[in-house]
Amino acid sequence: MANTHSISLFDRVTQVLGNILLVIEEGLSRLYPREPRKSLSEDNYRFNRSKDILNEIIIDQNTGELTGINDFKIGKVNVGLSGCEIIAVNNALVYKEKECSFADIECEFELSGALTKVPFVPIGAYGSNPYALKRMIESFGLKTCRVSKKRICDIQGGIIFSYWNYGGLIKGLHTVFMVHEDNRFTLYNYGRNGIEFLDWEQFKVRFYNRFIIGLQIN
């Protein structure tokens, strides 16, 4: 295996803690669904619908230069801050040639309780729970299969995966949609440029120690 970027013991501990908290949160959300904040969701939907993005790959969360996506609403914040999971699902739907509306996807995330809840923090500020991605993707008609970081190199086609930022739980996480073809990984909505091309060795170096969850899109 190629060398991977080392992370501190503190980062490792916070990653483990973060994974546990996310799994617990998603389990509780499934067992005891919270009543969605319907008035907030309706206001967000009207705002997002007024400038909606239809059937388009989105790669500019950091800048909004291409689509203006960073000004769209998620919970009580803007998509530019924490909308990467919703963007990843949007991009997976476009890749599979499914009709999609970003406003509709964002609204479904809110109403389905997929946004991460952190006490005393505005809803939406910590994005969406990666462990809710499977049910959210499948709610739009796609099938998924969970895939480990070791098996990603064997999967051809579309994959959504989440990883911790450097700094672990304190710095949060990011989720991207990518396409793997012939040992070339194309990551969408990654970094300031929006698209990144990696081979398998580069993928391992960059993400192996920070990987959270991967989902093959069928």
C-alpha atoms as a PDB file:
ATOM      1  CA  MET A   1       0.000   0.000   0.000  1.00  0.00           C
ATOM      2  CA  ALA A   2       1.236   3.490  -0.763  1.00  0.00           C
ATOM      3  CA  ASN A   3       2.124   5.795   2.064  1.00  0.00           C
ATOM      4  CA  THR A   4      -0.866   7.748   3.340  1.00  0.00           C
ATOM      5  CA  HIS A   5      -0.991  11.196   4.837  1.00  0.00           C
ATOM      6  CA  SER A   6      -0.440  10.703   8.554  1.00  0.00           C
ATOM      7  CA  ILE A   7      -2.889  12.237  10.972  1.00  0.00           C
ATOM      8  CA  SER A   8      -2.405  13.019  14.624  1.00  0.00           C
ATOM      9  CA  LEU A   9      -3.642  10.837  17.459  1.00  0.00           C
ATOM     10  CA  PHE A  10      -6.027  13.640  18.375  1.00  0.00           C
ATOM     11  CA  ASP A  11      -7.514  13.579  14.878  1.00  0.00           C
ATOM     12  CA  ARG A  12      -7.908   9.801  15.026  1.00  0.00           C
ATOM     13  CA  VAL A  13      -9.704   9.969  18.354  1.00  0.00           C
ATOM     14  CA  THR A  14     -12.062  12.725  17.195  1.00  0.00           C
ATOM     15  CA  GLN A  15     -12.787  10.840  13.971  1.00  0.00           C
ATOM     16  CA  VAL A  16     -13.795   7.736  15.922  1.00  0.00           C
ATOM     17  CA  LEU A  17     -15.913   9.837  18.258  1.00  0.00           C
ATOM     18  CA  GLY A  18     -17.491  11.632  15.308  1.00  0.00           C
ATOM     19  CA  ASN A  19     -18.370   8.371  13.564  1.00  0.00           C
ATOM     20  CA  ILE A  20     -20.025   7.059  16.721  1.00  0.00           C
ATOM     21  CA  LEU A  21     -22.058  10.231  17.166  1.00  0.00           C
ATOM     22  CA  LEU A  22     -23.176  10.227  13.526  1.00  0.00           C
ATOM     23  CA  VAL A  23     -24.270   6.577  13.674  1.00  0.00           C
ATOM     24  CA  ILE A  24     -26.211   7.208  16.884  1.00  0.00           C
ATOM     25  CA  GLU A  25     -27.860  10.307  15.447  1.00  0.00           C
ATOM     26  CA  GLU A  26     -28.973   8.539  12.287  1.00  0.00           C
ATOM     27  CA  GLY A  27     -30.289   5.593  14.308  1.00  0.00           C
ATOM     28  CA  LEU A  28     -32.315   7.892  16.543  1.00  0.00           C
ATOM     29  CA  SER A  29     -33.605   9.816  13.522  1.00  0.00           C
ATOM     30  CA  ARG A  30     -34.910   6.559  12.042  1.00  0.00           C
ATOM     31  CA  LEU A  31     -36.445   5.324  15.297  1.00  0.00           C
ATOM     32  CA  TYR A  32     -37.830   8.643  16.496  1.00  0.00           C
ATOM     33  CA  PRO A  33     -38.229  10.990  13.528  1.00  0.00           C
ATOM     34  CA  ARG A  34     -38.265  14.622  14.553  1.00  0.00           C
ATOM     35  CA  GLU A  35     -41.017  16.862  13.309  1.00  0.00           C
ATOM     36  CA  PRO A  36     -39.390  18.902  10.536  1.00  0.00           C
ATOM     37  CA  ARG A  37     -39.387  22.666  10.817  1.00  0.00           C
ATOM     38  CA  LYS A  38     -41.986  22.990   8.109  1.00  0.00           C
ATOM     39  CA  SER A  39     -42.159  26.776   7.974  1.00  0.00           C
ATOM     40  CA  LEU A  40     -38.376  27.023   7.614  1.00  0.00           C
ATOM     41  CA  SER A  41     -38.310  24.265   5.000  1.00  0.00           C
ATOM     42  CA  GLU A  42     -41.105  25.900   3.044  1.00  0.00           C
ATOM     43  CA  ASP A  43     -39.351  29.271   3.095  1.00  0.00           C
ATOM     44  CA  ASN A  44     -36.107  27.656   1.965  1.00  0.00           C
ATOM     45  CA  TYR A  45     -37.873  25.757  -0.787  1.00  0.00           C
ATOM     46  CA  ARG A  46     -39.505  28.908  -2.170  1.00  0.00           C
ATOM     47  CA  PHE A  47     -36.166  30.720  -2.129  1.00  0.00           C
ATOM     48  CA  ASN A  48     -34.233  27.848  -3.728  1.00  0.00           C
ATOM     49  CA  ARG A  49     -36.972  27.177  -6.276  1.00  0.00           C
ATOM     50  CA  SER A  50     -36.824  30.789  -7.449  1.00  0.00           C
ATOM     51  CA  LYS A  51     -33.257  30.219  -8.692  1.00  0.00           C
ATOM     52  CA  ASP A  52     -33.307  26.445  -9.062  1.00  0.00           C
ATOM     53  CA  ILE A  53     -30.645  24.317 -10.758  1.00  0.00           C
ATOM     54  CA  LEU A  54     -32.076  21.563 -12.945  1.00  0.00           C
ATOM     55  CA  ASN A  55     -30.252  18.468 -14.229  1.00  0.00           C
ATOM     56  CA  GLU A  56     -26.806  20.049 -13.878  1.00  0.00           C
ATOM     57  CA  ILE A  57     -23.573  18.803 -12.337  1.00  0.00           C
ATOM     58  CA  ILE A  58     -22.593  21.219  -9.543  1.00  0.00           C
ATOM     59  CA  ILE A  59     -18.906  21.726  -8.756  1.00  0.00           C
ATOM     60  CA  ASP A  60     -18.693  25.291  -7.411  1.00  0.00           C
ATOM     61  CA  GLN A  61     -19.830  25.127  -3.785  1.00  0.00           C
ATOM     62  CA  ASN A  62     -16.715  27.009  -2.671  1.00  0.00           C
ATOM     63  CA  THR A  63     -17.115  29.895  -5.086  1.00  0.00           C
ATOM     64  CA  GLY A  64     -20.578  29.902  -6.636  1.00  0.00           C
ATOM     65  CA  GLU A  65     -18.952  31.228  -9.789  1.00  0.00           C
ATOM     66  CA  LEU A  66     -20.790  28.875 -12.158  1.00  0.00           C
ATOM     67  CA  THR A  67     -24.213  28.340 -10.581  1.00  0.00           C
ATOM     68  CA  GLY A  68     -24.498  30.640  -7.567  1.00  0.00           C
ATOM     69  CA  ILE A  69     -25.068  27.509  -5.471  1.00  0.00           C
ATOM     70  CA  ASN A  70     -23.358  28.901  -2.386  1.00  0.00           C
ATOM     71  CA  ASP A  71     -26.265  31.339  -1.846  1.00  0.00           C
ATOM     72  CA  PHE A  72     -28.937  28.616  -1.805  1.00  0.00           C
ATOM     73  CA  LYS A  73     -30.470  27.799   1.577  1.00  0.00           C
ATOM     74  CA  ILE A  74     -30.057  24.730   3.780  1.00  0.00           C
ATOM     75  CA  GLY A  75     -31.686  24.912   7.195  1.00  0.00           C
ATOM     76  CA  LYS A  76     -30.666  28.253   8.664  1.00  0.00           C
ATOM     77  CA  VAL A  77     -27.461  28.655   6.672  1.00  0.00           C
ATOM     78  CA  ASN A  78     -26.279  28.793   3.065  1.00  0.00           C
ATOM     79  CA  VAL A  79     -25.356  25.804   0.910  1.00  0.00           C
ATOM     80  CA  GLY A  80     -21.872  27.272   0.427  1.00  0.00           C
ATOM     81  CA  LEU A  81     -21.172  26.525   4.079  1.00  0.00           C
ATOM     82  CA  SER A  82     -22.457  22.979   4.394  1.00  0.00           C
ATOM     83  CA  GLY A  83     -24.418  21.657   1.419  1.00  0.00           C
ATOM     84  CA  CYS A  84     -21.934  19.103   0.103  1.00  0.00           C
ATOM     85  CA  GLU A  85     -24.083  16.007   0.759  1.00  0.00           C
ATOM     86  CA  ILE A  86     -27.011  17.492  -1.143  1.00  0.00           C
ATOM     87  CA  ILE A  87     -24.720  18.481  -4.009  1.00  0.00           C
ATOM     88  CA  ALA A  88     -23.279  14.949  -4.092  1.00  0.00           C
ATOM     89  CA  VAL A  89     -26.762  13.430  -4.396  1.00  0.00           C
ATOM     90  CA  ASN A  90     -27.658  15.965  -7.106  1.00  0.00           C
ATOM     91  CA  ASN A  91     -24.541  15.022  -9.063  1.00  0.00           C
ATOM     92  CA  ALA A  92     -25.243  11.304  -8.711  1.00  0.00           C
ATOM     93  CA  LEU A  93     -28.739  11.813 -10.123  1.00  0.00           C
ATOM     94  CA  VAL A  94     -27.396  13.802 -13.070  1.00  0.00           C
ATOM     95  CA  TYR A  95     -24.756  11.134 -13.703  1.00  0.00           C
ATOM     96  CA  LYS A  96     -27.474   8.470 -13.817  1.00  0.00           C
ATOM     97  CA  GLU A  97     -29.554  10.692 -16.146  1.00  0.00           C
ATOM     98  CA  LYS A  98     -32.373  11.170 -13.649  1.00  0.00           C
ATOM     99  CA  GLU A  99     -34.466  14.318 -13.803  1.00  0.00           C
ATOM    100  CA  CYS A 100     -33.603  16.372 -10.732  1.00  0.00           C
ATOM    101  CA  SER A 101     -34.101  19.737  -9.084  1.00  0.00           C
ATOM    102  CA  PHE A 102     -31.646  20.983  -6.483  1.00  0.00           C
ATOM    103  CA  ALA A 103     -34.481  22.707  -4.610  1.00  0.00           C
ATOM    104  CA  ASP A 104     -36.439  19.452  -4.427  1.00  0.00           C
ATOM    105  CA  ILE A 105     -33.400  17.512  -3.175  1.00  0.00           C
ATOM    106  CA  GLU A 106     -32.584  20.068  -0.483  1.00  0.00           C
ATOM    107  CA  CYS A 107     -36.200  20.131   0.700  1.00  0.00           C
ATOM    108  CA  GLU A 108     -36.287  16.333   0.964  1.00  0.00           C
ATOM    109  CA  PHE A 109     -33.130  16.376   3.098  1.00  0.00           C
ATOM    110  CA  GLU A 110     -34.755  18.836   5.497  1.00  0.00           C
ATOM    111  CA  LEU A 111     -38.128  17.109   5.697  1.00  0.00           C
ATOM    112  CA  SER A 112     -36.535  13.660   6.106  1.00  0.00           C
ATOM    113  CA  GLY A 113     -34.444  14.705   9.080  1.00  0.00           C
ATOM    114  CA  ALA A 114     -31.135  14.118   7.314  1.00  0.00           C
ATOM    115  CA  LEU A 115     -29.495  17.342   8.484  1.00  0.00           C
ATOM    116  CA  THR A 116     -26.976  16.886  11.299  1.00  0.00           C
ATOM    117  CA  LYS A 117     -28.264  18.220  14.613  1.00  0.00           C
ATOM    118  CA  VAL A 118     -25.786  19.864  16.966  1.00  0.00           C
ATOM    119  CA  PRO A 119     -27.026  21.503  20.193  1.00  0.00           C
ATOM    120  CA  PHE A 120     -26.929  25.308  20.169  1.00  0.00           C
ATOM    121  CA  VAL A 121     -25.816  25.363  16.515  1.00  0.00           C
ATOM    122  CA  PRO A 122     -28.144  26.586  13.704  1.00  0.00           C
ATOM    123  CA  ILE A 123     -29.714  23.646  11.881  1.00  0.00           C
ATOM    124  CA  GLY A 124     -27.825  22.996   8.661  1.00  0.00           C
ATOM    125  CA  ALA A 125     -24.518  24.474   9.836  1.00  0.00           C
ATOM    126  CA  TYR A 126     -22.973  21.004  10.101  1.00  0.00           C
ATOM    127  CA  GLY A 127     -24.456  19.769   6.835  1.00  0.00           C
ATOM    128  CA  SER A 128     -26.119  16.375   6.557  1.00  0.00           C
ATOM    129  CA  ASN A 129     -25.360  13.051   8.180  1.00  0.00           C
ATOM    130  CA  PRO A 130     -23.308  10.808   5.842  1.00  0.00           C
ATOM    131  CA  TYR A 131     -25.051   7.771   7.286  1.00  0.00           C
ATOM    132  CA  ALA A 132     -28.356   9.176   6.006  1.00  0.00           C
ATOM    133  CA  LEU A 133     -27.080   9.298   2.427  1.00  0.00           C
ATOM    134  CA  LYS A 134     -28.154   5.777   1.499  1.00  0.00           C
ATOM    135  CA  ARG A 135     -31.805   6.383   2.331  1.00  0.00           C
ATOM    136  CA  MET A 136     -31.746   9.832   0.750  1.00  0.00           C
ATOM    137  CA  ILE A 137     -30.240   8.605  -2.526  1.00  0.00           C
ATOM    138  CA  GLU A 138     -32.681   5.704  -2.695  1.00  0.00           C
ATOM    139  CA  SER A 139     -35.615   8.047  -2.049  1.00  0.00           C
ATOM    140  CA  PHE A 140     -34.876   9.525  -5.502  1.00  0.00           C
ATOM    141  CA  GLY A 141     -35.012   6.176  -7.264  1.00  0.00           C
ATOM    142  CA  LEU A 142     -31.376   5.116  -7.305  1.00  0.00           C
ATOM    143  CA  LYS A 143     -30.011   1.931  -5.785  1.00  0.00           C
ATOM    144  CA  THR A 144     -26.872   1.934  -3.668  1.00  0.00           C
ATOM    145  CA  CYS A 145     -24.456  -0.546  -2.170  1.00  0.00           C
ATOM    146  CA  ARG A 146     -22.116   0.321   0.667  1.00  0.00           C
ATOM    147  CA  VAL A 147     -18.469  -0.059  -0.265  1.00  0.00           C
ATOM    148  CA  SER A 148     -15.377  -0.033   1.937  1.00  0.00           C
ATOM    149  CA  LYS A 149     -12.318   2.098   1.229  1.00  0.00           C
ATOM    150  CA  LYS A 150     -10.409  -1.064   0.343  1.00  0.00           C
ATOM    151  CA  ARG A 151     -12.887  -2.027  -2.385  1.00  0.00           C
ATOM    152  CA  ILE A 152     -13.339   1.344  -4.060  1.00  0.00           C
ATOM    153  CA  CYS A 153     -10.553   0.471  -6.487  1.00  0.00           C
ATOM    154  CA  ASP A 154     -12.672  -2.476  -7.696  1.00  0.00           C
ATOM    155  CA  ILE A 155     -15.802  -0.404  -8.330  1.00  0.00           C
ATOM    156  CA  GLN A 156     -16.300   1.185 -11.728  1.00  0.00           C
ATOM    157  CA  GLY A 157     -18.808   3.995 -12.159  1.00  0.00           C
ATOM    158  CA  GLY A 158     -20.375   6.444  -9.716  1.00  0.00           C
ATOM    159  CA  ILE A 159     -19.512   6.539  -6.024  1.00  0.00           C
ATOM    160  CA  ILE A 160     -20.401   8.927  -3.219  1.00  0.00           C
ATOM    161  CA  PHE A 161     -18.018   9.036  -0.294  1.00  0.00           C
ATOM    162  CA  SER A 162     -17.502  11.116   2.838  1.00  0.00           C
ATOM    163  CA  TYR A 163     -14.274  11.861   4.670  1.00  0.00           C
ATOM    164  CA  TRP A 164     -13.120  13.889   7.647  1.00  0.00           C
ATOM    165  CA  ASN A 165     -11.311  17.143   7.029  1.00  0.00           C
ATOM    166  CA  TYR A 166      -7.872  17.478   8.589  1.00  0.00           C
ATOM    167  CA  GLY A 167      -8.571  18.297  12.218  1.00  0.00           C
ATOM    168  CA  GLY A 168     -11.157  15.554  12.609  1.00  0.00           C
ATOM    169  CA  LEU A 169     -14.470  16.223  14.297  1.00  0.00           C
ATOM    170  CA  ILE A 170     -13.593  19.834  15.086  1.00  0.00           C
ATOM    171  CA  LYS A 171     -13.042  20.713  11.397  1.00  0.00           C
ATOM    172  CA  GLY A 172     -15.988  18.699  10.085  1.00  0.00           C
ATOM    173  CA  LEU A 173     -16.290  16.529   7.001  1.00  0.00           C
ATOM    174  CA  HIS A 174     -16.854  16.702   3.266  1.00  0.00           C
ATOM    175  CA  THR A 175     -18.842  14.537   0.856  1.00  0.00           C
ATOM    176  CA  VAL A 176     -18.255  14.242  -2.875  1.00  0.00           C
ATOM    177  CA  PHE A 177     -19.573  12.363  -5.861  1.00  0.00           C
ATOM    178  CA  MET A 178     -16.894  10.795  -8.023  1.00  0.00           C
ATOM    179  CA  VAL A 179     -16.610   8.565 -11.063  1.00  0.00           C
ATOM    180  CA  HIS A 180     -14.053   5.750 -11.247  1.00  0.00           C
ATOM    181  CA  GLU A 181     -13.052   4.588 -14.710  1.00  0.00           C
ATOM    182  CA  ASP A 182      -9.891   2.652 -15.566  1.00  0.00           C
ATOM    183  CA  ASN A 183      -7.945   3.627 -12.435  1.00  0.00           C
ATOM    184  CA  ARG A 184      -8.883   7.278 -12.811  1.00  0.00           C
ATOM    185  CA  PHE A 185     -11.011   8.936 -10.147  1.00  0.00           C
ATOM    186  CA  THR A 186     -12.815  12.126 -11.123  1.00  0.00           C
ATOM    187  CA  LEU A 187     -14.028  14.013  -8.038  1.00  0.00           C
ATOM    188  CA  TYR A 188     -16.776  16.598  -8.445  1.00  0.00           C
ATOM    189  CA  ASN A 189     -17.235  19.576  -6.117  1.00  0.00           C
ATOM    190  CA  TYR A 190     -13.799  19.048  -4.600  1.00  0.00           C
ATOM    191  CA  GLY A 191     -11.512  21.945  -3.767  1.00  0.00           C
ATOM    192  CA  ARG A 192     -11.588  25.423  -5.219  1.00  0.00           C
ATOM    193  CA  ASN A 193     -11.271  24.225  -8.806  1.00  0.00           C
ATOM    194  CA  GLY A 194     -14.289  21.964  -8.378  1.00  0.00           C
ATOM    195  CA  ILE A 195     -12.883  18.914 -10.178  1.00  0.00           C
ATOM    196  CA  GLU A 196      -9.910  16.748  -9.242  1.00  0.00           C
ATOM    197  CA  PHE A 197      -8.365  13.782 -11.090  1.00  0.00           C
ATOM    198  CA  LEU A 198      -6.578  11.086  -9.079  1.00  0.00           C
ATOM    199  CA  ASP A 199      -5.274   7.589  -9.594  1.00  0.00           C
ATOM    200  CA  TRP A 200      -5.679   4.847  -6.972  1.00  0.00           C
ATOM    201  CA  GLU A 201      -2.370   5.509  -5.245  1.00  0.00           C
ATOM    202  CA  GLN A 202      -3.137   9.213  -4.982  1.00  0.00           C
ATOM    203  CA  PHE A 203      -6.623   8.438  -3.681  1.00  0.00           C
ATOM    204  CA  LYS A 204      -5.200   6.271  -0.897  1.00  0.00           C
ATOM    205  CA  VAL A 205      -2.632   8.871   0.101  1.00  0.00           C
ATOM    206  CA  ARG A 206      -5.240  11.583   0.323  1.00  0.00           C
ATOM    207  CA  PHE A 207      -8.262   9.849   1.837  1.00  0.00           C
ATOM    208  CA  TYR A 208      -7.448   6.455   3.342  1.00  0.00           C
ATOM    209  CA  ASN A 209      -6.931   7.687   6.905  1.00  0.00           C
ATOM    210  CA  ARG A 210      -9.938   9.996   6.820  1.00  0.00           C
ATOM    211  CA  PHE A 211     -12.547   7.824   5.082  1.00  0.00           C
ATOM    212  CA  ILE A 212     -16.032   7.640   6.655  1.00  0.00           C
ATOM    213  CA  ILE A 213     -18.409   5.871   4.271  1.00  0.00           C
ATOM    214  CA  GLY A 214     -18.699   5.032   0.562  1.00  0.00           C
ATOM    215  CA  LEU A 215     -21.754   4.203  -1.535  1.00  0.00           C
ATOM    216  CA  GLN A 216     -21.713   2.705  -5.003  1.00  0.00           C
ATOM    217  CA  ILE A 217     -24.456   4.203  -7.196  1.00  0.00           C
ATOM    218  CA  ASN A 218     -26.346   1.588  -9.235  1.00  0.00           C
END
